[in-house]
Amino acid sequence: MSDILAIVEQTDSDEQLIDEIALRHPDRVTVLVEDGSLDAPGADEGARAAALSERIARLLAAIEQRTGAVVVGLAASREQLLGWRFDRIVGAHGPVAAL
C-alpha cells in the first residue's frame, strides 16, 4: 500500500502535480492546501474562495481518475497531519522522500 501527500501551491501546475503523483502509483493520496498558499493578490474573498473550491474539486477528481488512487483527505495545514505517515511527498518543489 502506497500513501502519498500531495502539496498544492500557487506556483505548481495541477497537471504537473498529477503527473508526479501518477509516477508513484499510489493507493491513497492526501492533499494539502495550506492556508494562504493560493491567495491571489487583489482578489475579493468570495471570488477567491469560489476559484479555489473549483480548482480543488477538479484536482481531486483528476487524481482519482488518472491514478486510480483514493483521495483520503484534504488538509489546510501541516498541523492537521501531525502523526500521519506518507511513503512519498510530491509538490512543493518536486518529489521528496518522506521522513
PDB file of N, CA and C in Angstrom:
ATOM      1  N   MET A   1       0.851  -1.165   0.000  1.00  0.00           N
ATOM      2  CA  MET A   1       0.000   0.000   0.000  1.00  0.00           C
ATOM      3  C   MET A   1       0.896   1.227   0.000  1.00  0.00           C
ATOM      4  N   SER A   2       0.611   2.188  -0.860  1.00  0.00           N
ATOM      5  CA  SER A   2       1.421   3.389  -1.007  1.00  0.00           C
ATOM      6  C   SER A   2       0.581   4.623  -0.687  1.00  0.00           C
ATOM      7  N   ASP A   3       1.053   5.413   0.274  1.00  0.00           N
ATOM      8  CA  ASP A   3       0.380   6.648   0.677  1.00  0.00           C
ATOM      9  C   ASP A   3       1.222   7.839   0.263  1.00  0.00           C
ATOM     10  N   ILE A   4       0.596   8.799  -0.403  1.00  0.00           N
ATOM     11  CA  ILE A   4       1.294   9.996  -0.873  1.00  0.00           C
ATOM     12  C   ILE A   4       0.631  11.226  -0.297  1.00  0.00           C
ATOM     13  N   LEU A   5       1.472  12.201   0.068  1.00  0.00           N
ATOM     14  CA  LEU A   5       0.995  13.534   0.415  1.00  0.00           C
ATOM     15  C   LEU A   5       1.280  14.424  -0.786  1.00  0.00           C
ATOM     16  N   ALA A   6       0.248  15.044  -1.338  1.00  0.00           N
ATOM     17  CA  ALA A   6       0.392  15.966  -2.461  1.00  0.00           C
ATOM     18  C   ALA A   6       0.185  17.380  -1.936  1.00  0.00           C
ATOM     19  N   ILE A   7       1.220  18.216  -2.090  1.00  0.00           N
ATOM     20  CA  ILE A   7       1.152  19.590  -1.610  1.00  0.00           C
ATOM     21  C   ILE A   7       0.849  20.501  -2.792  1.00  0.00           C
ATOM     22  N   VAL A   8      -0.258  21.209  -2.700  1.00  0.00           N
ATOM     23  CA  VAL A   8      -0.710  22.107  -3.759  1.00  0.00           C
ATOM     24  C   VAL A   8      -0.259  23.513  -3.412  1.00  0.00           C
ATOM     25  N   GLU A   9       0.407  24.159  -4.360  1.00  0.00           N
ATOM     26  CA  GLU A   9       0.832  25.543  -4.182  1.00  0.00           C
ATOM     27  C   GLU A   9       0.423  26.363  -5.389  1.00  0.00           C
ATOM     28  N   GLN A  10       0.459  27.657  -5.230  1.00  0.00           N
ATOM     29  CA  GLN A  10       0.068  28.562  -6.314  1.00  0.00           C
ATOM     30  C   GLN A  10       0.981  28.402  -7.522  1.00  0.00           C
ATOM     31  N   THR A  11       2.262  28.150  -7.297  1.00  0.00           N
ATOM     32  CA  THR A  11       3.218  28.084  -8.397  1.00  0.00           C
ATOM     33  C   THR A  11       3.192  26.748  -9.136  1.00  0.00           C
ATOM     34  N   ASP A  12       2.555  25.763  -8.567  1.00  0.00           N
ATOM     35  CA  ASP A  12       2.512  24.435  -9.187  1.00  0.00           C
ATOM     36  C   ASP A  12       1.449  24.371 -10.275  1.00  0.00           C
ATOM     37  N   SER A  13       1.745  23.640 -11.311  1.00  0.00           N
ATOM     38  CA  SER A  13       0.755  23.316 -12.315  1.00  0.00           C
ATOM     39  C   SER A  13       0.018  22.075 -11.819  1.00  0.00           C
ATOM     40  N   ASP A  14      -1.298  22.102 -11.847  1.00  0.00           N
ATOM     41  CA  ASP A  14      -2.056  20.937 -11.398  1.00  0.00           C
ATOM     42  C   ASP A  14      -1.705  19.708 -12.228  1.00  0.00           C
ATOM     43  N   GLU A  15      -1.532  19.912 -13.530  1.00  0.00           N
ATOM     44  CA  GLU A  15      -1.210  18.789 -14.415  1.00  0.00           C
ATOM     45  C   GLU A  15       0.147  18.197 -14.056  1.00  0.00           C
ATOM     46  N   GLN A  16       1.103  19.049 -13.749  1.00  0.00           N
ATOM     47  CA  GLN A  16       2.432  18.587 -13.343  1.00  0.00           C
ATOM     48  C   GLN A  16       2.353  17.812 -12.026  1.00  0.00           C
ATOM     49  N   LEU A  17       1.556  18.297 -11.095  1.00  0.00           N
ATOM     50  CA  LEU A  17       1.384  17.619  -9.816  1.00  0.00           C
ATOM     51  C   LEU A  17       0.744  16.245 -10.023  1.00  0.00           C
ATOM     52  N   ILE A  18      -0.257  16.171 -10.865  1.00  0.00           N
ATOM     53  CA  ILE A  18      -0.916  14.891 -11.138  1.00  0.00           C
ATOM     54  C   ILE A  18       0.060  13.921 -11.805  1.00  0.00           C
ATOM     55  N   ASP A  19       0.901  14.423 -12.713  1.00  0.00           N
ATOM     56  CA  ASP A  19       1.928  13.577 -13.336  1.00  0.00           C
ATOM     57  C   ASP A  19       2.862  12.989 -12.284  1.00  0.00           C
ATOM     58  N   GLU A  20       3.304  13.818 -11.345  1.00  0.00           N
ATOM     59  CA  GLU A  20       4.199  13.351 -10.272  1.00  0.00           C
ATOM     60  C   GLU A  20       3.518  12.294  -9.411  1.00  0.00           C
ATOM     61  N   ILE A  21       2.259  12.509  -9.109  1.00  0.00           N
ATOM     62  CA  ILE A  21       1.510  11.533  -8.308  1.00  0.00           C
ATOM     63  C   ILE A  21       1.385  10.218  -9.077  1.00  0.00           C
ATOM     64  N   ALA A  22       1.018  10.293 -10.346  1.00  0.00           N
ATOM     65  CA  ALA A  22       0.819   9.093 -11.161  1.00  0.00           C
ATOM     66  C   ALA A  22       2.101   8.269 -11.278  1.00  0.00           C
ATOM     67  N   LEU A  23       3.244   8.939 -11.348  1.00  0.00           N
ATOM     68  CA  LEU A  23       4.521   8.221 -11.438  1.00  0.00           C
ATOM     69  C   LEU A  23       4.783   7.333 -10.220  1.00  0.00           C
ATOM     70  N   ARG A  24       4.188   7.672  -9.098  1.00  0.00           N
ATOM     71  CA  ARG A  24       4.423   6.933  -7.845  1.00  0.00           C
ATOM     72  C   ARG A  24       3.447   5.772  -7.641  1.00  0.00           C
ATOM     73  N   HIS A  25       2.431   5.653  -8.479  1.00  0.00           N
ATOM     74  CA  HIS A  25       1.433   4.566  -8.399  1.00  0.00           C
ATOM     75  C   HIS A  25       0.866   4.402  -6.981  1.00  0.00           C
ATOM     76  N   PRO A  26       0.278   5.463  -6.442  1.00  0.00           N
ATOM     77  CA  PRO A  26      -0.229   5.386  -5.069  1.00  0.00           C
ATOM     78  C   PRO A  26      -1.541   4.627  -4.965  1.00  0.00           C
ATOM     79  N   ASP A  27      -1.796   4.165  -3.753  1.00  0.00           N
ATOM     80  CA  ASP A  27      -3.097   3.591  -3.439  1.00  0.00           C
ATOM     81  C   ASP A  27      -3.996   4.648  -2.800  1.00  0.00           C
ATOM     82  N   ARG A  28      -3.350   5.535  -2.012  1.00  0.00           N
ATOM     83  CA  ARG A  28      -4.085   6.589  -1.313  1.00  0.00           C
ATOM     84  C   ARG A  28      -3.313   7.895  -1.415  1.00  0.00           C
ATOM     85  N   VAL A  29      -4.068   8.991  -1.549  1.00  0.00           N
ATOM     86  CA  VAL A  29      -3.469  10.318  -1.660  1.00  0.00           C
ATOM     87  C   VAL A  29      -4.172  11.255  -0.678  1.00  0.00           C
ATOM     88  N   THR A  30      -3.369  12.006   0.057  1.00  0.00           N
ATOM     89  CA  THR A  30      -3.874  13.085   0.899  1.00  0.00           C
ATOM     90  C   THR A  30      -3.387  14.383   0.278  1.00  0.00           C
ATOM     91  N   VAL A  31      -4.266  15.376   0.185  1.00  0.00           N
ATOM     92  CA  VAL A  31      -3.924  16.635  -0.461  1.00  0.00           C
ATOM     93  C   VAL A  31      -3.839  17.734   0.596  1.00  0.00           C
ATOM     94  N   LEU A  32      -2.724  18.463   0.573  1.00  0.00           N
ATOM     95  CA  LEU A  32      -2.506  19.571   1.496  1.00  0.00           C
ATOM     96  C   LEU A  32      -2.558  20.879   0.722  1.00  0.00           C
ATOM     97  N   VAL A  33      -3.493  21.742   1.094  1.00  0.00           N
ATOM     98  CA  VAL A  33      -3.602  23.090   0.534  1.00  0.00           C
ATOM     99  C   VAL A  33      -3.495  24.021   1.732  1.00  0.00           C
ATOM    100  N   GLU A  34      -2.293  24.511   1.986  1.00  0.00           N
ATOM    101  CA  GLU A  34      -2.083  25.348   3.161  1.00  0.00           C
ATOM    102  C   GLU A  34      -2.774  26.689   3.028  1.00  0.00           C
ATOM    103  N   ASP A  35      -3.332  27.172   4.138  1.00  0.00           N
ATOM    104  CA  ASP A  35      -3.988  28.482   4.155  1.00  0.00           C
ATOM    105  C   ASP A  35      -3.012  29.537   3.677  1.00  0.00           C
ATOM    106  N   GLY A  36      -3.455  30.338   2.734  1.00  0.00           N
ATOM    107  CA  GLY A  36      -2.624  31.418   2.224  1.00  0.00           C
ATOM    108  C   GLY A  36      -1.710  31.024   1.083  1.00  0.00           C
ATOM    109  N   SER A  37      -1.517  29.733   0.842  1.00  0.00           N
ATOM    110  CA  SER A  37      -0.577  29.331  -0.204  1.00  0.00           C
ATOM    111  C   SER A  37      -1.117  29.598  -1.607  1.00  0.00           C
ATOM    112  N   LEU A  38      -2.424  29.770  -1.729  1.00  0.00           N
ATOM    113  CA  LEU A  38      -3.011  30.011  -3.044  1.00  0.00           C
ATOM    114  C   LEU A  38      -3.692  31.367  -3.140  1.00  0.00           C
ATOM    115  N   ASP A  39      -3.377  32.264  -2.209  1.00  0.00           N
ATOM    116  CA  ASP A  39      -4.000  33.578  -2.230  1.00  0.00           C
ATOM    117  C   ASP A  39      -3.620  34.341  -3.492  1.00  0.00           C
ATOM    118  N   ALA A  40      -4.605  34.945  -4.080  1.00  0.00           N
ATOM    119  CA  ALA A  40      -4.375  35.783  -5.256  1.00  0.00           C
ATOM    120  C   ALA A  40      -4.458  37.239  -4.821  1.00  0.00           C
ATOM    121  N   PRO A  41      -3.379  37.983  -4.981  1.00  0.00           N
ATOM    122  CA  PRO A  41      -3.418  39.388  -4.573  1.00  0.00           C
ATOM    123  C   PRO A  41      -4.496  40.154  -5.320  1.00  0.00           C
ATOM    124  N   GLY A  42      -5.233  40.958  -4.602  1.00  0.00           N
ATOM    125  CA  GLY A  42      -6.242  41.798  -5.235  1.00  0.00           C
ATOM    126  C   GLY A  42      -7.586  41.121  -5.468  1.00  0.00           C
ATOM    127  N   ALA A  43      -7.682  39.834  -5.249  1.00  0.00           N
ATOM    128  CA  ALA A  43      -8.960  39.141  -5.458  1.00  0.00           C
ATOM    129  C   ALA A  43      -9.829  39.277  -4.216  1.00  0.00           C
ATOM    130  N   ASP A  44     -11.142  39.431  -4.416  1.00  0.00           N
ATOM    131  CA  ASP A  44     -12.003  39.507  -3.245  1.00  0.00           C
ATOM    132  C   ASP A  44     -12.212  38.109  -2.667  1.00  0.00           C
ATOM    133  N   GLU A  45     -12.615  38.064  -1.400  1.00  0.00           N
ATOM    134  CA  GLU A  45     -12.750  36.796  -0.674  1.00  0.00           C
ATOM    135  C   GLU A  45     -13.687  35.802  -1.368  1.00  0.00           C
ATOM    136  N   GLY A  46     -14.838  36.264  -1.803  1.00  0.00           N
ATOM    137  CA  GLY A  46     -15.810  35.372  -2.432  1.00  0.00           C
ATOM    138  C   GLY A  46     -15.301  34.761  -3.721  1.00  0.00           C
ATOM    139  N   ALA A  47     -14.713  35.587  -4.557  1.00  0.00           N
ATOM    140  CA  ALA A  47     -14.182  35.091  -5.832  1.00  0.00           C
ATOM    141  C   ALA A  47     -13.024  34.137  -5.600  1.00  0.00           C
ATOM    142  N   ARG A  48     -12.155  34.470  -4.653  1.00  0.00           N
ATOM    143  CA  ARG A  48     -11.008  33.616  -4.357  1.00  0.00           C
ATOM    144  C   ARG A  48     -11.470  32.261  -3.804  1.00  0.00           C
ATOM    145  N   ALA A  49     -12.428  32.289  -2.901  1.00  0.00           N
ATOM    146  CA  ALA A  49     -12.940  31.040  -2.323  1.00  0.00           C
ATOM    147  C   ALA A  49     -13.604  30.164  -3.381  1.00  0.00           C
ATOM    148  N   ALA A  50     -14.365  30.774  -4.272  1.00  0.00           N
ATOM    149  CA  ALA A  50     -15.040  30.010  -5.332  1.00  0.00           C
ATOM    150  C   ALA A  50     -14.024  29.410  -6.295  1.00  0.00           C
ATOM    151  N   ALA A  51     -13.018  30.196  -6.674  1.00  0.00           N
ATOM    152  CA  ALA A  51     -11.995  29.695  -7.594  1.00  0.00           C
ATOM    153  C   ALA A  51     -11.201  28.561  -6.961  1.00  0.00           C
ATOM    154  N   LEU A  52     -10.849  28.711  -5.697  1.00  0.00           N
ATOM    155  CA  LEU A  52     -10.103  27.669  -5.001  1.00  0.00           C
ATOM    156  C   LEU A  52     -10.935  26.400  -4.873  1.00  0.00           C
ATOM    157  N   SER A  53     -12.202  26.548  -4.538  1.00  0.00           N
ATOM    158  CA  SER A  53     -13.089  25.395  -4.402  1.00  0.00           C
ATOM    159  C   SER A  53     -13.202  24.625  -5.720  1.00  0.00           C
ATOM    160  N   GLU A  54     -13.352  25.350  -6.818  1.00  0.00           N
ATOM    161  CA  GLU A  54     -13.441  24.706  -8.133  1.00  0.00           C
ATOM    162  C   GLU A  54     -12.134  24.004  -8.491  1.00  0.00           C
ATOM    163  N   ARG A  55     -11.022  24.672  -8.228  1.00  0.00           N
ATOM    164  CA  ARG A  55      -9.718  24.087  -8.556  1.00  0.00           C
ATOM    165  C   ARG A  55      -9.484  22.802  -7.763  1.00  0.00           C
ATOM    166  N   ILE A  56      -9.784  22.835  -6.483  1.00  0.00           N
ATOM    167  CA  ILE A  56      -9.566  21.657  -5.642  1.00  0.00           C
ATOM    168  C   ILE A  56     -10.483  20.520  -6.074  1.00  0.00           C
ATOM    169  N   ALA A  57     -11.734  20.801  -6.388  1.00  0.00           N
ATOM    170  CA  ALA A  57     -12.668  19.755  -6.840  1.00  0.00           C
ATOM    171  C   ALA A  57     -12.160  19.092  -8.121  1.00  0.00           C
ATOM    172  N   ARG A  58     -11.699  19.922  -9.078  1.00  0.00           N
ATOM    173  CA  ARG A  58     -11.149  19.364 -10.332  1.00  0.00           C
ATOM    174  C   ARG A  58      -9.897  18.541 -10.061  1.00  0.00           C
ATOM    175  N   LEU A  59      -9.040  19.048  -9.181  1.00  0.00           N
ATOM    176  CA  LEU A  59      -7.794  18.358  -8.858  1.00  0.00           C
ATOM    177  C   LEU A  59      -8.060  17.001  -8.208  1.00  0.00           C
ATOM    178  N   LEU A  60      -8.936  16.949  -7.227  1.00  0.00           N
ATOM    179  CA  LEU A  60      -9.231  15.687  -6.544  1.00  0.00           C
ATOM    180  C   LEU A  60      -9.816  14.663  -7.514  1.00  0.00           C
ATOM    181  N   ALA A  61     -10.743  15.103  -8.364  1.00  0.00           N
ATOM    182  CA  ALA A  61     -11.340  14.193  -9.350  1.00  0.00           C
ATOM    183  C   ALA A  61     -10.282  13.695 -10.326  1.00  0.00           C
ATOM    184  N   ALA A  62      -9.402  14.583 -10.775  1.00  0.00           N
ATOM    185  CA  ALA A  62      -8.359  14.199 -11.732  1.00  0.00           C
ATOM    186  C   ALA A  62      -7.369  13.221 -11.112  1.00  0.00           C
ATOM    187  N   ILE A  63      -7.029  13.417  -9.842  1.00  0.00           N
ATOM    188  CA  ILE A  63      -6.114  12.493  -9.166  1.00  0.00           C
ATOM    189  C   ILE A  63      -6.720  11.094  -9.138  1.00  0.00           C
ATOM    190  N   GLU A  64      -7.965  11.004  -8.714  1.00  0.00           N
ATOM    191  CA  GLU A  64      -8.613   9.691  -8.629  1.00  0.00           C
ATOM    192  C   GLU A  64      -8.764   9.058 -10.011  1.00  0.00           C
ATOM    193  N   GLN A  65      -9.173   9.838 -10.993  1.00  0.00           N
ATOM    194  CA  GLN A  65      -9.395   9.294 -12.335  1.00  0.00           C
ATOM    195  C   GLN A  65      -8.080   8.852 -12.973  1.00  0.00           C
ATOM    196  N   ARG A  66      -7.063   9.654 -12.887  1.00  0.00           N
ATOM    197  CA  ARG A  66      -5.806   9.375 -13.579  1.00  0.00           C
ATOM    198  C   ARG A  66      -4.958   8.320 -12.893  1.00  0.00           C
ATOM    199  N   THR A  67      -4.999   8.265 -11.553  1.00  0.00           N
ATOM    200  CA  THR A  67      -4.107   7.361 -10.834  1.00  0.00           C
ATOM    201  C   THR A  67      -4.786   6.098 -10.335  1.00  0.00           C
ATOM    202  N   GLY A  68      -6.100   6.134 -10.212  1.00  0.00           N
ATOM    203  CA  GLY A  68      -6.811   5.005  -9.627  1.00  0.00           C
ATOM    204  C   GLY A  68      -6.707   4.992  -8.113  1.00  0.00           C
ATOM    205  N   ALA A  69      -6.011   5.967  -7.554  1.00  0.00           N
ATOM    206  CA  ALA A  69      -5.865   6.061  -6.103  1.00  0.00           C
ATOM    207  C   ALA A  69      -7.112   6.694  -5.494  1.00  0.00           C
ATOM    208  N   VAL A  70      -7.287   6.469  -4.215  1.00  0.00           N
ATOM    209  CA  VAL A  70      -8.378   7.083  -3.478  1.00  0.00           C
ATOM    210  C   VAL A  70      -7.830   8.314  -2.773  1.00  0.00           C
ATOM    211  N   VAL A  71      -8.497   9.445  -2.946  1.00  0.00           N
ATOM    212  CA  VAL A  71      -8.123  10.639  -2.188  1.00  0.00           C
ATOM    213  C   VAL A  71      -8.781  10.493  -0.820  1.00  0.00           C
ATOM    214  N   VAL A  72      -7.952  10.320   0.202  1.00  0.00           N
ATOM    215  CA  VAL A  72      -8.476  10.020   1.536  1.00  0.00           C
ATOM    216  C   VAL A  72      -8.661  11.247   2.406  1.00  0.00           C
ATOM    217  N   GLY A  73      -8.103  12.382   1.982  1.00  0.00           N
ATOM    218  CA  GLY A  73      -8.267  13.556   2.811  1.00  0.00           C
ATOM    219  C   GLY A  73      -7.783  14.820   2.154  1.00  0.00           C
ATOM    220  N   LEU A  74      -8.251  15.921   2.707  1.00  0.00           N
ATOM    221  CA  LEU A  74      -7.861  17.254   2.280  1.00  0.00           C
ATOM    222  C   LEU A  74      -7.519  18.014   3.541  1.00  0.00           C
ATOM    223  N   ALA A  75      -6.300  18.526   3.624  1.00  0.00           N
ATOM    224  CA  ALA A  75      -5.851  19.249   4.813  1.00  0.00           C
ATOM    225  C   ALA A  75      -5.532  20.694   4.448  1.00  0.00           C
ATOM    226  N   ALA A  76      -5.750  21.597   5.417  1.00  0.00           N
ATOM    227  CA  ALA A  76      -5.480  23.010   5.206  1.00  0.00           C
ATOM    228  C   ALA A  76      -4.206  23.474   5.908  1.00  0.00           C
ATOM    229  N   SER A  77      -3.609  22.586   6.715  1.00  0.00           N
ATOM    230  CA  SER A  77      -2.361  22.947   7.393  1.00  0.00           C
ATOM    231  C   SER A  77      -1.578  21.685   7.744  1.00  0.00           C
ATOM    232  N   ARG A  78      -0.287  21.866   7.904  1.00  0.00           N
ATOM    233  CA  ARG A  78       0.570  20.738   8.272  1.00  0.00           C
ATOM    234  C   ARG A  78       0.225  20.210   9.656  1.00  0.00           C
ATOM    235  N   GLU A  79      -0.257  21.078  10.527  1.00  0.00           N
ATOM    236  CA  GLU A  79      -0.626  20.657  11.879  1.00  0.00           C
ATOM    237  C   GLU A  79      -1.727  19.601  11.865  1.00  0.00           C
ATOM    238  N   GLN A  80      -2.601  19.650  10.880  1.00  0.00           N
ATOM    239  CA  GLN A  80      -3.662  18.656  10.763  1.00  0.00           C
ATOM    240  C   GLN A  80      -3.104  17.272  10.439  1.00  0.00           C
ATOM    241  N   LEU A  81      -1.870  17.215   9.976  1.00  0.00           N
ATOM    242  CA  LEU A  81      -1.273  15.945   9.552  1.00  0.00           C
ATOM    243  C   LEU A  81      -0.268  15.395  10.560  1.00  0.00           C
ATOM    244  N   LEU A  82      -0.175  16.013  11.727  1.00  0.00           N
ATOM    245  CA  LEU A  82       0.755  15.518  12.743  1.00  0.00           C
ATOM    246  C   LEU A  82       0.438  14.058  13.075  1.00  0.00           C
ATOM    247  N   GLY A  83       1.459  13.225  13.045  1.00  0.00           N
ATOM    248  CA  GLY A  83       1.286  11.803  13.329  1.00  0.00           C
ATOM    249  C   GLY A  83       0.973  10.960  12.110  1.00  0.00           C
ATOM    250  N   TRP A  84       0.645  11.583  11.000  1.00  0.00           N
ATOM    251  CA  TRP A  84       0.387  10.838   9.771  1.00  0.00           C
ATOM    252  C   TRP A  84       1.714  10.466   9.135  1.00  0.00           C
ATOM    253  N   ARG A  85       1.739   9.367   8.419  1.00  0.00           N
ATOM    254  CA  ARG A  85       2.943   8.927   7.715  1.00  0.00           C
ATOM    255  C   ARG A  85       2.629   8.754   6.233  1.00  0.00           C
ATOM    256  N   PHE A  86       3.586   9.173   5.422  1.00  0.00           N
ATOM    257  CA  PHE A  86       3.437   9.069   3.967  1.00  0.00           C
ATOM    258  C   PHE A  86       4.681   8.418   3.396  1.00  0.00           C
ATOM    259  N   ASP A  87       4.479   7.623   2.346  1.00  0.00           N
ATOM    260  CA  ASP A  87       5.613   6.999   1.674  1.00  0.00           C
ATOM    261  C   ASP A  87       6.380   8.012   0.832  1.00  0.00           C
ATOM    262  N   ARG A  88       5.660   8.950   0.241  1.00  0.00           N
ATOM    263  CA  ARG A  88       6.283   9.992  -0.580  1.00  0.00           C
ATOM    264  C   ARG A  88       5.509  11.288  -0.401  1.00  0.00           C
ATOM    265  N   ILE A  89       6.205  12.387  -0.662  1.00  0.00           N
ATOM    266  CA  ILE A  89       5.591  13.709  -0.667  1.00  0.00           C
ATOM    267  C   ILE A  89       5.896  14.315  -2.029  1.00  0.00           C
ATOM    268  N   VAL A  90       4.864  14.787  -2.725  1.00  0.00           N
ATOM    269  CA  VAL A  90       5.063  15.418  -4.025  1.00  0.00           C
ATOM    270  C   VAL A  90       4.467  16.824  -3.994  1.00  0.00           C
ATOM    271  N   GLY A  91       4.958  17.643  -4.921  1.00  0.00           N
ATOM    272  CA  GLY A  91       4.558  19.041  -4.936  1.00  0.00           C
ATOM    273  C   GLY A  91       5.517  19.835  -4.076  1.00  0.00           C
ATOM    274  N   ALA A  92       5.296  21.113  -3.983  1.00  0.00           N
ATOM    275  CA  ALA A  92       6.160  21.981  -3.164  1.00  0.00           C
ATOM    276  C   ALA A  92       7.625  21.719  -3.456  1.00  0.00           C
ATOM    277  N   HIS A  93       8.038  21.973  -4.678  1.00  0.00           N
ATOM    278  CA  HIS A  93       9.418  21.839  -5.123  1.00  0.00           C
ATOM    279  C   HIS A  93       9.761  20.420  -5.549  1.00  0.00           C
ATOM    280  N   GLY A  94       8.794  19.630  -5.985  1.00  0.00           N
ATOM    281  CA  GLY A  94       9.086  18.290  -6.518  1.00  0.00           C
ATOM    282  C   GLY A  94       9.023  17.196  -5.484  1.00  0.00           C
ATOM    283  N   PRO A  95       9.225  15.949  -5.904  1.00  0.00           N
ATOM    284  CA  PRO A  95       9.088  14.818  -5.009  1.00  0.00           C
ATOM    285  C   PRO A  95      10.227  14.752  -3.998  1.00  0.00           C
ATOM    286  N   VAL A  96       9.888  14.355  -2.778  1.00  0.00           N
ATOM    287  CA  VAL A  96      10.889  14.142  -1.736  1.00  0.00           C
ATOM    288  C   VAL A  96      10.525  12.881  -0.975  1.00  0.00           C
ATOM    289  N   ALA A  97      11.507  12.229  -0.408  1.00  0.00           N
ATOM    290  CA  ALA A  97      11.237  11.044   0.398  1.00  0.00           C
ATOM    291  C   ALA A  97      10.617  11.469   1.722  1.00  0.00           C
ATOM    292  N   ALA A  98       9.666  10.733   2.174  1.00  0.00           N
ATOM    293  CA  ALA A  98       9.048  11.020   3.464  1.00  0.00           C
ATOM    294  C   ALA A  98       9.986  10.603   4.583  1.00  0.00           C
ATOM    295  N   LEU A  99       9.909  11.321   5.686  1.00  0.00           N
ATOM    296  CA  LEU A  99      10.773  11.003   6.830  1.00  0.00           C
ATOM    297  C   LEU A  99      10.153   9.950   7.703  1.00  0.00           C
TER     298      LEU A  99
END
